[in-house]
Amino acid sequence: MDDNEGVRRVCARVLVRAGFEVLLCEGGAEAIEAAEREEFDLALVDLNLPGVKGTELLERLFETCAQMRGVLASGGFLADGPMVLPDSGRTVSAMCKPFDAHRLVDAIQSELGAA
């Protein structure tokens, strides 16, 4: 979930090649609607989205899909590693952009392995 279409497409291509099933969402409302329709293992969310912070979106997604894991990405506002969400106290992985394909896949695999 990123507001930049190019970033969404590149991340999706990398993750599909790594063997993951991917659903692209353009906005927070679309992501929440998708999570209400089906269960997802993980959400990759940008920190700065139009209309909603990525942390808030993850909190709402976790309310809808409790077993979901999360990775939060940001262009310089986060350090790589675990991050505790303020409302739920849940821990997600944080990644600073730009990241390469290997780092993206490693972060997703690591977060899914922590489940």
Protein backbone atom coordinates (compact mmCIF):
# COMPACT_ATOMS: atom_id res chain seq x y z
CA MET A 1 0.00 0.00 0.00
CA ASP A 2 1.76 3.08 -1.30
CA ASP A 3 0.32 6.23 -2.85
CA ASN A 4 3.03 6.11 -5.54
CA GLU A 5 1.91 3.79 -8.34
CA GLY A 6 5.47 3.11 -9.49
CA VAL A 7 6.56 2.02 -6.01
CA ARG A 8 3.48 -0.24 -5.72
CA ARG A 9 4.16 -1.90 -9.06
CA VAL A 10 7.88 -2.46 -8.46
CA CYS A 11 7.28 -3.91 -4.98
CA ALA A 12 4.54 -6.16 -6.36
CA ARG A 13 6.77 -7.42 -9.18
CA VAL A 14 9.60 -8.21 -6.74
CA LEU A 15 7.29 -10.02 -4.32
CA VAL A 16 5.51 -12.03 -7.04
CA ARG A 17 8.89 -13.16 -8.38
CA ALA A 18 9.78 -14.22 -4.81
CA GLY A 19 6.67 -16.43 -4.72
CA PHE A 20 4.21 -14.22 -2.83
CA GLU A 21 0.61 -13.51 -3.84
CA VAL A 22 0.12 -9.75 -3.99
CA LEU A 23 -2.90 -7.45 -4.00
CA LEU A 24 -2.22 -3.80 -4.79
CA CYS A 25 -4.26 -1.10 -3.06
CA GLU A 26 -4.12 2.56 -3.98
CA GLY A 27 -5.64 3.99 -0.81
CA GLY A 28 -6.46 3.20 2.79
CA ALA A 29 -10.18 2.70 2.18
CA GLU A 30 -9.44 0.21 -0.59
CA ALA A 31 -7.05 -1.71 1.69
CA ILE A 32 -9.62 -1.89 4.50
CA GLU A 33 -12.35 -3.05 2.10
CA ALA A 34 -10.03 -5.78 0.79
CA ALA A 35 -9.23 -6.92 4.34
CA GLU A 36 -12.95 -7.11 5.11
CA ARG A 37 -13.48 -9.42 2.10
CA GLU A 38 -10.56 -11.80 2.59
CA GLU A 39 -7.75 -12.63 5.00
CA PHE A 40 -4.20 -11.51 4.34
CA ASP A 41 -0.97 -12.62 5.96
CA LEU A 42 0.77 -9.25 5.75
CA ALA A 43 0.31 -5.60 4.77
CA LEU A 44 3.19 -3.54 3.40
CA VAL A 45 2.21 0.09 4.08
CA ASP A 46 3.86 3.45 3.47
CA LEU A 47 4.07 5.69 6.54
CA ASN A 48 2.92 8.85 4.77
CA LEU A 49 -0.30 8.35 2.85
CA PRO A 50 -2.82 10.96 1.73
CA GLY A 51 -5.55 11.24 4.35
CA VAL A 52 -4.18 8.67 6.81
CA LYS A 53 -0.90 7.77 8.48
CA GLY A 54 0.43 4.32 7.71
CA THR A 55 0.46 3.51 11.43
CA GLU A 56 -3.26 4.31 11.67
CA LEU A 57 -4.02 2.22 8.59
CA LEU A 58 -2.16 -0.77 10.02
CA GLU A 59 -4.08 -0.41 13.31
CA ARG A 60 -7.38 -0.47 11.38
CA LEU A 61 -6.26 -3.42 9.25
CA PHE A 62 -5.31 -5.35 12.39
CA GLU A 63 -8.80 -4.71 13.82
CA THR A 64 -10.27 -6.29 10.69
CA CYS A 65 -7.73 -9.08 10.25
CA ALA A 66 -6.20 -9.92 13.65
CA GLN A 67 -3.62 -12.45 12.42
CA MET A 68 -2.19 -10.05 9.81
CA ARG A 69 1.42 -8.95 10.17
CA GLY A 70 2.72 -5.56 9.06
CA VAL A 71 5.71 -3.86 7.46
CA LEU A 72 5.82 -0.07 7.50
CA ALA A 73 7.98 1.76 4.94
CA SER A 74 9.08 5.38 4.94
CA GLY A 75 11.38 7.67 3.03
CA GLY A 76 13.66 8.64 5.88
CA PHE A 77 11.38 8.87 8.91
CA LEU A 78 11.98 5.38 10.28
CA ALA A 79 14.96 3.28 11.23
CA ASP A 80 15.01 -0.32 10.04
CA GLY A 81 13.82 -2.76 12.66
CA PRO A 82 10.88 -3.37 14.96
CA MET A 83 8.41 -0.60 15.71
CA VAL A 84 5.59 -0.61 18.26
CA LEU A 85 2.30 0.88 17.05
CA PRO A 86 0.98 3.48 19.50
CA ASP A 87 -2.64 2.39 19.87
CA SER A 88 -2.52 -1.40 19.82
CA GLY A 89 1.01 -1.94 21.10
CA ARG A 90 1.57 -4.40 18.25
CA THR A 91 5.03 -4.67 16.82
CA VAL A 92 5.63 -4.33 13.08
CA SER A 93 8.78 -4.20 10.99
CA ALA A 94 9.93 -0.80 9.77
CA MET A 95 11.96 -0.16 6.61
CA CYS A 96 13.54 3.06 5.41
CA LYS A 97 13.23 3.79 1.67
CA PRO A 98 14.87 3.38 -0.69
CA PHE A 99 15.28 -0.37 -0.34
CA ASP A 100 16.39 -2.95 -2.83
CA ALA A 101 14.61 -6.16 -3.83
CA HIS A 102 16.61 -8.36 -1.47
CA ARG A 103 15.91 -6.15 1.54
CA LEU A 104 12.20 -6.05 0.73
CA VAL A 105 11.91 -9.81 0.39
CA ASP A 106 14.00 -10.38 3.54
CA ALA A 107 11.79 -8.00 5.56
CA ILE A 108 8.59 -9.72 4.39
CA GLN A 109 9.96 -13.21 5.04
CA SER A 110 11.27 -12.17 8.45
CA GLU A 111 7.93 -10.64 9.48
CA LEU A 112 5.98 -13.67 8.28
CA GLY A 113 8.40 -15.96 10.11
CA ALA A 114 7.74 -14.04 13.32
CA ALA A 115 4.04 -14.91 13.19
